[in-house]
Protein backbone atom coordinates (compact mmCIF):
# COMPACT_ATOMS: atom_id res chain seq x y z
CA UNK A 1 -68.63 273.76 109.75
CA UNK A 2 -69.04 274.81 106.21
CA UNK A 3 -67.24 278.04 106.98
CA UNK A 4 -64.19 276.14 108.23
CA UNK A 5 -64.14 274.14 104.99
CA UNK A 6 -64.17 277.35 103.04
CA UNK A 7 -61.19 278.61 105.00
CA UNK A 8 -58.94 275.55 104.28
CA UNK A 9 -57.84 276.62 100.78
CA UNK A 10 -56.95 280.09 102.00
CA UNK A 11 -54.95 278.68 104.92
CA UNK A 12 -53.03 276.28 102.65
CA UNK A 13 -52.26 279.09 100.24
CA UNK A 14 -51.05 281.28 103.03
CA UNK A 15 -48.81 278.49 104.39
CA UNK A 16 -47.34 277.90 100.88
CA UNK A 17 -46.63 281.59 100.43
CA UNK A 18 -45.05 281.72 103.85
CA UNK A 19 -42.89 278.68 103.07
CA UNK A 20 -41.73 280.20 99.81
CA UNK A 21 -40.92 283.42 101.57
CA UNK A 22 -38.96 281.69 104.32
CA UNK A 23 -37.09 279.58 101.76
CA UNK A 24 -36.29 282.64 99.75
CA UNK A 25 -35.17 284.42 102.83
CA UNK A 26 -32.96 281.45 103.80
CA UNK A 27 -31.46 281.27 100.29
CA UNK A 28 -30.80 284.98 100.35
CA UNK A 29 -29.03 284.64 103.67
CA UNK A 30 -27.02 281.70 102.36
CA UNK A 31 -26.03 283.60 99.20
CA UNK A 32 -25.06 286.57 101.28
CA UNK A 33 -22.93 284.33 103.52
CA UNK A 34 -21.29 282.75 100.47
CA UNK A 35 -20.62 286.17 98.95
CA UNK A 36 -19.06 287.33 102.24
CA UNK A 37 -16.75 284.27 102.45
CA UNK A 38 -15.65 284.88 98.89
CA UNK A 39 -15.13 288.55 99.46
CA UNK A 40 -13.11 287.88 102.61
CA UNK A 41 -11.05 285.18 100.84
CA UNK A 42 -10.12 287.49 97.98
CA UNK A 43 -9.28 290.35 100.34
CA UNK A 44 -6.99 288.14 102.43
CA UNK A 45 -5.49 286.69 99.24
CA UNK A 46 -4.63 290.19 97.97
CA UNK A 47 -2.80 290.78 101.27
CA UNK A 48 -1.00 287.39 100.97
CA UNK A 49 -2.61 286.23 104.24
CA UNK A 50 -2.66 282.56 103.30
CA UNK A 51 -4.27 281.17 106.47
CA UNK A 52 -7.40 283.29 106.39
CA UNK A 53 -7.69 283.36 102.62
CA UNK A 54 -7.74 279.56 102.40
CA UNK A 55 -10.04 279.28 105.43
CA UNK A 56 -12.63 281.45 103.72
CA UNK A 57 -12.21 279.75 100.37
CA UNK A 58 -12.85 276.39 102.05
CA UNK A 59 -16.06 277.69 103.65
CA UNK A 60 -17.23 279.04 100.29
CA UNK A 61 -16.47 275.72 98.64
CA UNK A 62 -18.49 273.87 101.27
CA UNK A 63 -21.47 275.97 100.30
CA UNK A 64 -21.07 276.09 96.50
CA UNK A 65 -18.28 273.89 95.15
CA UNK A 66 -17.25 274.53 91.53
CA UNK A 67 -14.18 273.87 89.35
CA UNK A 68 -13.69 277.62 88.94
CA UNK A 69 -13.50 278.21 92.70
CA UNK A 70 -11.00 275.37 93.18
CA UNK A 71 -8.88 276.88 90.44
CA UNK A 72 -9.15 280.31 91.97
CA UNK A 73 -7.42 278.91 95.06
CA UNK A 74 -4.86 277.17 92.80
CA UNK A 75 -4.16 280.47 91.02
CA UNK A 76 -3.77 282.21 94.39
CA UNK A 77 -0.95 279.82 95.24
CA UNK A 78 0.55 280.01 91.76
CA UNK A 79 0.40 283.75 91.10
CA UNK A 80 0.46 285.33 94.59
CA UNK A 81 2.19 282.86 96.91
CA UNK A 82 4.51 281.33 94.26
CA UNK A 83 3.90 277.86 95.73
CA UNK A 84 4.04 275.36 92.86
CA UNK A 85 3.22 272.33 95.03
CA UNK A 86 0.08 273.86 96.64
CA UNK A 87 -1.02 275.24 93.30
CA UNK A 88 -0.86 271.75 91.76
CA UNK A 89 -2.60 270.27 94.84
CA UNK A 90 -5.61 272.55 94.41
CA UNK A 91 -5.62 272.12 90.64
CA UNK A 92 -5.71 268.33 91.20
CA UNK A 93 -8.66 268.73 93.57
CA UNK A 94 -10.56 270.48 90.77
CA UNK A 95 -9.57 267.77 88.28
CA UNK A 96 -10.54 264.88 90.56
CA UNK A 97 -13.86 266.52 91.52
CA UNK A 98 -14.69 267.44 87.90
CA UNK A 99 -12.73 264.95 85.71
CA UNK A 100 -14.40 266.11 82.51
CA UNK A 101 -13.78 269.81 83.09
CA UNK A 102 -11.12 271.07 80.57
CA UNK A 103 -10.33 274.14 82.71
CA UNK A 104 -8.62 272.03 85.36
CA UNK A 105 -6.43 270.27 82.78
CA UNK A 106 -5.59 273.55 81.07
CA UNK A 107 -4.51 275.15 84.36
CA UNK A 108 -2.40 272.21 85.47
CA UNK A 109 -0.77 271.75 82.08
CA UNK A 110 0.13 275.41 82.00
CA UNK A 111 1.62 275.28 85.51
CA UNK A 112 3.64 272.14 84.77
CA UNK A 113 4.94 273.72 81.59
CA UNK A 114 5.89 276.97 83.36
CA UNK A 115 7.89 274.99 85.86
CA UNK A 116 9.40 272.72 83.22
CA UNK A 117 7.93 269.67 84.92
CA UNK A 118 7.60 267.73 81.69
CA UNK A 119 7.07 264.37 83.42
CA UNK A 120 3.93 265.65 85.11
CA UNK A 121 2.91 267.50 81.97
CA UNK A 122 2.87 264.50 79.66
CA UNK A 123 1.37 262.18 82.26
CA UNK A 124 -1.53 264.60 82.74
CA UNK A 125 -1.93 265.22 79.01
CA UNK A 126 -2.24 261.48 78.35
CA UNK A 127 -4.75 261.14 81.21
CA UNK A 128 -6.80 263.90 79.61
CA UNK A 129 -6.71 262.15 76.25
CA UNK A 130 -7.71 258.83 77.82
CA UNK A 131 -10.70 260.52 79.44
CA UNK A 132 -11.59 262.01 76.02
CA UNK A 133 -11.53 265.56 77.33
CA UNK A 134 -11.09 268.07 74.49
CA UNK A 135 -9.27 271.40 74.78
CA UNK A 136 -7.71 273.56 72.06
CA UNK A 137 -5.59 275.32 74.70
CA UNK A 138 -4.19 271.96 75.91
CA UNK A 139 -3.34 270.97 72.36
CA UNK A 140 -1.47 274.29 71.89
CA UNK A 141 0.47 273.65 75.09
CA UNK A 142 1.30 270.14 73.94
CA UNK A 143 2.61 271.45 70.63
CA UNK A 144 5.01 273.70 72.52
CA UNK A 145 6.34 270.84 74.64
CA UNK A 146 6.22 267.92 72.21
CA UNK A 147 9.95 267.82 71.49
CA UNK A 148 11.34 268.47 74.97
CA UNK A 149 13.97 265.92 75.90
CA UNK A 150 16.58 264.83 78.41
CA UNK A 151 19.77 262.71 78.35
CA UNK A 152 20.93 259.47 79.96
CA UNK A 153 24.14 257.46 79.82
CA UNK A 154 27.70 258.28 78.79
CA UNK A 155 29.64 256.16 76.30
CA UNK A 156 32.76 256.49 74.15
CA UNK A 157 31.27 254.80 71.06
CA UNK A 158 27.91 253.37 70.13
CA UNK A 159 26.01 251.61 67.36
CA UNK A 160 22.30 251.55 66.48
CA UNK A 161 19.58 249.78 68.41
CA UNK A 162 18.24 246.38 67.52
CA UNK A 163 16.03 244.18 69.63
CA UNK A 164 15.85 246.99 72.20
CA UNK A 165 19.60 247.01 72.83
CA UNK A 166 22.56 248.81 71.27
CA UNK A 167 26.30 248.06 71.36
CA UNK A 168 28.19 250.60 73.49
CA UNK A 169 31.88 251.02 74.26
CA UNK A 170 33.55 252.37 77.37
CA UNK A 171 37.30 252.58 77.22
CA UNK A 172 38.42 249.51 75.26
CA UNK A 173 35.53 247.09 75.74
CA UNK A 174 31.94 246.72 74.55
CA UNK A 175 28.64 245.93 76.11
CA UNK A 176 24.97 246.82 75.52
CA UNK A 177 22.72 249.68 76.51
CA UNK A 178 18.94 249.77 76.78
CA UNK A 179 16.91 252.21 74.68
CA UNK A 180 16.90 254.53 77.69
CA UNK A 181 20.64 254.71 77.92
CA UNK A 182 21.10 252.40 80.88
CA UNK A 183 23.80 249.72 80.61
CA UNK A 184 22.11 246.29 80.41
CA UNK A 185 25.13 244.06 79.65
CA UNK A 186 28.52 245.08 81.04
CA UNK A 187 31.28 246.37 78.80
CA UNK A 188 33.37 243.19 78.82
CA UNK A 189 33.70 242.16 75.12
CA UNK A 190 36.29 243.04 72.49
CA UNK A 191 33.75 242.81 69.69
CA UNK A 192 29.96 242.80 69.60
CA UNK A 193 27.16 242.65 66.98
CA UNK A 194 23.49 243.54 66.80
CA UNK A 195 20.73 241.60 68.49
CA UNK A 196 18.38 239.60 66.30
CA UNK A 197 16.27 236.53 67.09
CA UNK A 198 16.90 237.30 70.75
CA UNK A 199 20.70 236.84 70.49
CA UNK A 200 23.82 238.78 69.54
CA UNK A 201 27.34 237.71 68.47
CA UNK A 202 30.19 238.69 70.81
CA UNK A 203 33.88 238.00 71.22
CA UNK A 204 35.29 237.91 74.77
CA UNK A 205 38.70 238.91 76.13
CA UNK A 206 40.09 235.43 75.40
CA UNK A 207 39.16 235.66 71.73
CA UNK A 208 36.22 233.24 72.00
CA UNK A 209 33.17 234.11 69.88
CA UNK A 210 29.61 233.00 70.70
CA UNK A 211 26.07 234.31 70.95
CA UNK A 212 24.50 235.80 74.11
CA UNK A 213 20.90 236.58 75.06
CA UNK A 214 19.53 239.91 76.25
CA UNK A 215 20.63 239.12 79.82
CA UNK A 216 24.25 238.41 78.80
CA UNK A 217 23.94 234.61 79.05
CA UNK A 218 25.84 232.46 76.53
CA UNK A 219 23.10 230.74 74.52
CA UNK A 220 24.70 229.43 71.32
CA UNK A 221 28.21 228.36 70.24
CA UNK A 222 28.96 227.91 66.52
CA UNK A 223 29.42 224.22 65.82
CA UNK A 224 31.38 224.31 62.56
CA UNK A 225 34.57 222.89 61.13
CA UNK A 226 35.86 226.45 60.85
CA UNK A 227 37.99 228.29 63.34
CA UNK A 228 35.71 230.97 64.69
CA UNK A 229 37.39 234.34 64.93
CA UNK A 230 34.26 236.49 64.42
CA UNK A 231 30.52 236.01 63.97
CA UNK A 232 27.85 237.81 61.99
CA UNK A 233 24.30 238.58 63.17
CA UNK A 234 21.85 235.67 63.39
CA UNK A 235 19.16 235.97 60.73
CA UNK A 236 15.45 235.20 61.08
CA UNK A 237 16.21 232.12 58.92
CA UNK A 238 18.80 231.11 61.56
CA UNK A 239 21.71 231.65 59.19
CA UNK A 240 24.83 233.51 60.30
CA UNK A 241 28.28 234.27 58.91
CA UNK A 242 31.55 232.95 60.43
CA UNK A 243 34.99 234.46 59.83
CA UNK A 244 37.80 231.86 60.16
CA UNK A 245 40.72 234.25 59.69
CA UNK A 246 40.83 233.86 55.89
CA UNK A 247 37.27 234.07 54.60
CA UNK A 248 33.61 234.37 55.57
CA UNK A 249 31.27 231.40 55.39
CA UNK A 250 27.57 231.10 56.14
CA UNK A 251 26.17 228.33 58.37
CA UNK A 252 22.76 227.45 59.72
CA UNK A 253 22.19 226.66 63.42
CA UNK A 254 22.49 222.97 62.72
CA UNK A 255 26.11 223.52 61.61
CA UNK A 256 25.51 222.99 57.90
CA UNK A 257 27.54 225.12 55.41
CA UNK A 258 25.16 227.20 53.30
CA UNK A 259 27.75 229.05 51.17
CA UNK A 260 31.21 230.48 51.64
CA UNK A 261 34.58 231.68 50.43
CA UNK A 262 33.84 235.41 50.72
CA UNK A 263 36.15 238.32 51.47
CA UNK A 264 33.28 240.21 53.08
CA UNK A 265 29.77 239.14 54.06
CA UNK A 266 26.69 241.02 55.21
CA UNK A 267 23.90 239.92 57.51
CA UNK A 268 21.38 237.58 55.89
CA UNK A 269 18.26 239.72 56.38
CA UNK A 270 14.84 239.68 54.75
CA UNK A 271 16.00 236.75 52.67
CA UNK A 272 19.08 238.32 51.09
CA UNK A 273 22.77 238.88 51.82
CA UNK A 274 25.55 240.70 50.01
CA UNK A 275 28.98 239.06 49.66
CA UNK A 276 32.26 240.17 48.13
CA UNK A 277 34.71 238.11 46.17
CA UNK A 278 37.69 239.17 44.06
CA UNK A 279 35.26 239.98 41.25
CA UNK A 280 33.10 242.28 43.36
CA UNK A 281 29.81 242.23 45.27
CA UNK A 282 26.88 239.93 44.58
CA UNK A 283 23.47 239.18 46.10
CA UNK A 284 22.56 235.71 47.44
CA UNK A 285 19.38 234.17 48.84
CA UNK A 286 18.96 232.03 51.98
CA UNK A 287 19.73 228.87 50.05
CA UNK A 288 23.11 230.16 48.93
CA UNK A 289 22.04 230.77 45.35
CA UNK A 290 22.72 233.91 43.36
CA UNK A 291 19.68 236.15 43.60
CA UNK A 292 20.87 238.59 40.94
CA UNK A 293 23.26 237.64 38.18
CA UNK A 294 25.16 240.91 38.39
CA UNK A 295 28.45 242.04 39.95
CA UNK A 296 28.55 245.42 41.71
CA UNK A 297 31.34 247.71 42.81
CA UNK A 298 29.74 248.08 46.20
CA UNK A 299 26.47 247.46 48.08
CA UNK A 300 25.21 249.74 50.88
CA UNK A 301 24.72 248.25 54.32
CA UNK A 302 23.62 249.77 57.62
CA UNK A 303 25.40 249.34 60.97
CA UNK A 304 23.74 245.94 61.46
CA UNK A 305 25.23 244.98 58.09
CA UNK A 306 21.74 244.63 56.59
CA UNK A 307 21.61 245.48 52.88
CA UNK A 308 17.97 244.70 51.94
CA UNK A 309 14.97 246.38 53.55
CA UNK A 310 11.65 247.78 52.35
CA UNK A 311 12.14 245.58 49.22
CA UNK A 312 15.05 247.73 48.07
CA UNK A 313 18.86 247.67 47.84
CA UNK A 314 21.35 250.42 46.97
CA UNK A 315 24.15 249.22 44.70
CA UNK A 316 27.14 250.94 43.09
CA UNK A 317 27.76 250.41 39.40
CA UNK A 318 29.95 252.49 37.01
CA UNK A 319 30.82 254.87 39.82
CA UNK A 320 27.22 255.75 40.77
CA UNK A 321 24.66 254.45 43.25
CA UNK A 322 21.20 253.33 42.19
CA UNK A 323 18.23 251.77 43.90
CA UNK A 324 17.15 248.28 42.74
CA UNK A 325 14.57 245.68 43.71
CA UNK A 326 15.26 242.06 44.60
CA UNK A 327 15.34 241.06 40.94
CA UNK A 328 18.05 243.64 40.12
CA UNK A 329 15.77 246.02 38.24
CA UNK A 330 16.52 249.72 38.87
CA UNK A 331 13.72 251.61 40.60
CA UNK A 332 13.36 255.17 39.32
CA UNK A 333 15.75 256.83 36.92
CA UNK A 334 18.00 258.72 39.30
CA UNK A 335 21.53 257.74 40.27
CA UNK A 336 23.19 259.03 43.43
CA UNK A 337 26.57 259.95 44.77
CA UNK A 338 25.82 258.17 48.06
CA UNK A 339 22.91 256.61 49.88
CA UNK A 340 21.66 255.08 53.11
CA UNK A 341 19.42 251.98 53.03
CA UNK A 342 15.83 252.20 54.24
CA UNK A 343 15.44 251.83 57.95
CA UNK A 344 11.70 251.13 57.71
CA UNK A 345 8.96 251.59 55.08
CA UNK A 346 9.22 255.41 55.01
CA UNK A 347 12.07 257.32 53.35
CA UNK A 348 15.75 256.71 52.59
CA UNK A 349 18.49 259.35 52.61
CA UNK A 350 20.37 259.81 49.32
CA UNK A 351 23.02 262.21 48.07
CA UNK A 352 22.62 263.93 44.75
CA UNK A 353 24.49 267.01 43.55
CA UNK A 354 26.56 267.14 46.75
CA UNK A 355 23.52 267.45 49.04
CA UNK A 356 21.37 264.94 50.90
CA UNK A 357 17.60 264.52 50.57
CA UNK A 358 15.02 261.75 50.94
CA UNK A 359 13.20 259.43 48.54
CA UNK A 360 10.42 256.84 48.82
CA UNK A 361 10.71 253.23 47.65
CA UNK A 362 9.54 254.23 44.19
CA UNK A 363 12.35 256.78 43.80
CA UNK A 364 10.12 259.83 44.25
CA UNK A 365 11.62 262.77 46.14
CA UNK A 366 10.06 263.37 49.54
CA UNK A 367 12.59 266.09 50.43
CA UNK A 368 14.82 267.55 47.75
CA UNK A 369 18.57 267.53 48.52
CA UNK A 370 19.33 270.39 50.91
CA UNK A 371 21.33 268.83 53.77
CA UNK A 372 25.07 268.41 54.26
CA UNK A 373 24.52 264.84 55.45
CA UNK A 374 21.56 262.71 56.55
CA UNK A 375 20.42 259.31 57.81
CA UNK A 376 17.27 257.55 56.64
CA UNK A 377 14.01 258.09 58.49
CA UNK A 378 13.44 255.80 61.43
CA UNK A 379 10.29 255.71 63.52
CA UNK A 380 9.16 259.08 62.26
CA UNK A 381 12.43 261.05 62.52
CA UNK A 382 15.60 261.49 60.49
CA UNK A 383 19.01 262.84 61.54
CA UNK A 384 20.23 265.66 59.30
CA UNK A 385 23.41 267.73 59.28
CA UNK A 386 23.60 271.48 58.72
CA UNK A 387 26.64 273.72 59.26
CA UNK A 388 28.57 270.76 60.57
CA UNK A 389 26.06 269.86 63.33
CA UNK A 390 23.36 267.20 63.57
CA UNK A 391 19.70 267.56 64.50
CA UNK A 392 16.43 265.88 63.56
CA UNK A 393 13.47 266.47 61.26
CA UNK A 394 10.01 264.91 61.66
CA UNK A 395 7.57 263.50 59.14
CA UNK A 396 6.19 267.02 58.59
CA UNK A 397 9.66 267.98 57.27
CA UNK A 398 10.12 270.30 60.29
CA UNK A 399 13.46 270.64 62.09
CA UNK A 400 12.05 269.52 65.42
CA UNK A 401 15.42 269.30 67.18
CA UNK A 402 17.89 271.99 66.07
CA UNK A 403 21.27 270.95 64.63
CA UNK A 404 23.58 271.03 67.65
CA UNK A 405 25.18 267.59 68.05
CA UNK A 406 28.54 266.28 66.84
CA UNK A 407 26.89 263.12 65.54
CA UNK A 408 23.60 261.23 65.72
CA UNK A 409 22.05 257.79 65.16
CA UNK A 410 18.52 256.52 64.48
CA UNK A 411 15.38 256.93 66.58
CA UNK A 412 13.82 253.94 68.33
CA UNK A 413 10.08 253.32 68.57
CA UNK A 414 10.39 254.42 72.23
CA UNK A 415 11.26 258.01 71.27
CA UNK A 416 14.98 257.65 72.09
CA UNK A 417 18.15 258.12 70.03
CA UNK A 418 21.92 258.21 70.55
CA UNK A 419 23.50 261.61 70.04
CA UNK A 420 27.11 262.70 70.49
CA UNK A 421 27.79 265.81 72.53
CA UNK A 422 31.42 266.78 72.16
CA UNK A 423 33.11 263.35 72.45
CA UNK A 424 30.48 261.63 74.62
CA UNK A 425 27.52 259.58 73.36
CA UNK A 426 24.26 259.70 75.33
CA UNK A 427 20.70 258.65 74.72
CA UNK A 428 18.30 261.56 74.04
CA UNK A 429 14.82 260.73 75.36
CA UNK A 430 11.60 262.53 74.46
CA UNK A 431 9.62 263.25 77.62
CA UNK A 432 6.38 262.54 75.74
CA UNK A 433 7.42 258.87 75.38
CA UNK A 434 9.53 258.48 78.54
CA UNK A 435 7.95 260.12 81.60
């Protein structure tokens, strides 16, 4: 009996060794089978025999799935079969199976870019960023596609966006377009203004002026003693200008006269408005009081007839333009031949020495005057003119869209802008913001 007990350790050891041997033999056979599937797949792929190539790739993937092997099938379809759809399908399998693997994103981004499928490119890039997957190659691809764009809408004349809508004209009448170039309110008015406080002033075909909302519904009719021939933009203080055929007067929504008797009147915005009398232009506050006891030859306004933004105005005195604050004090020492008011808190376009450049609110040069014409920066971009054509620069001072358009407006926060190609205005949309 004792002899049997002595044999037990030796038997167990022998069984363990046998098990290891059999397992090793099994693994070796499995590895050989995997290698054979892969070898067959690649051979068939080189001969463009899709059916058998994919069949062997599938068998290999069942044994040892990996992102690299999925992408090898995707590359087979991309480089050998020229099948964009199947290539993307297999790339997506790799991405879904290994959502943190940068290789899958890099492959798919490259394929989308090669086929100019910018919608898929930017959707995938943003998914990668949301998953916090890092890739230098993906960032390089993004840099090459960042300013790709497309066009929507066709109009004869346009103005700038406000409240997400812009006045647009087709033939002889006006309506409104969305930031993506689609007509939101039909072209049925003879005169229109900018949206503010959720409403815009319009004049219909019968000569009646009133305010409409973003759906085109009439929402406010001026209740004043004046004949209403035209209306100004509604301010955040609910003050608007009314033209009675002789002069402009300001009223509040309750119908009370705030001030009046002006030959021209701007929008009351950010607490200030510019008005012209026989003597010249002056600045008034929301109570109808003179803000600055000074008369100017002219005051710069944008297409919404706003004169005061970013705590600055541009006024003309003694034949030159200068930048002032709300108290009338000149900011900086420069004077200019022309200027555009600030669109936001970045940089304003000014003309000095016959060329246009950009300054900050303290009068410091951001870009020295080098352009034939320019508009102030809006939402990170500024329209500039060179050799008679318009393009756009970004905040890095790079010409990100070459000068090629007959005219241009200001960028929205949605990455869209009106540009004129020949005689037609359309909205240019960045794919990166609008996919």
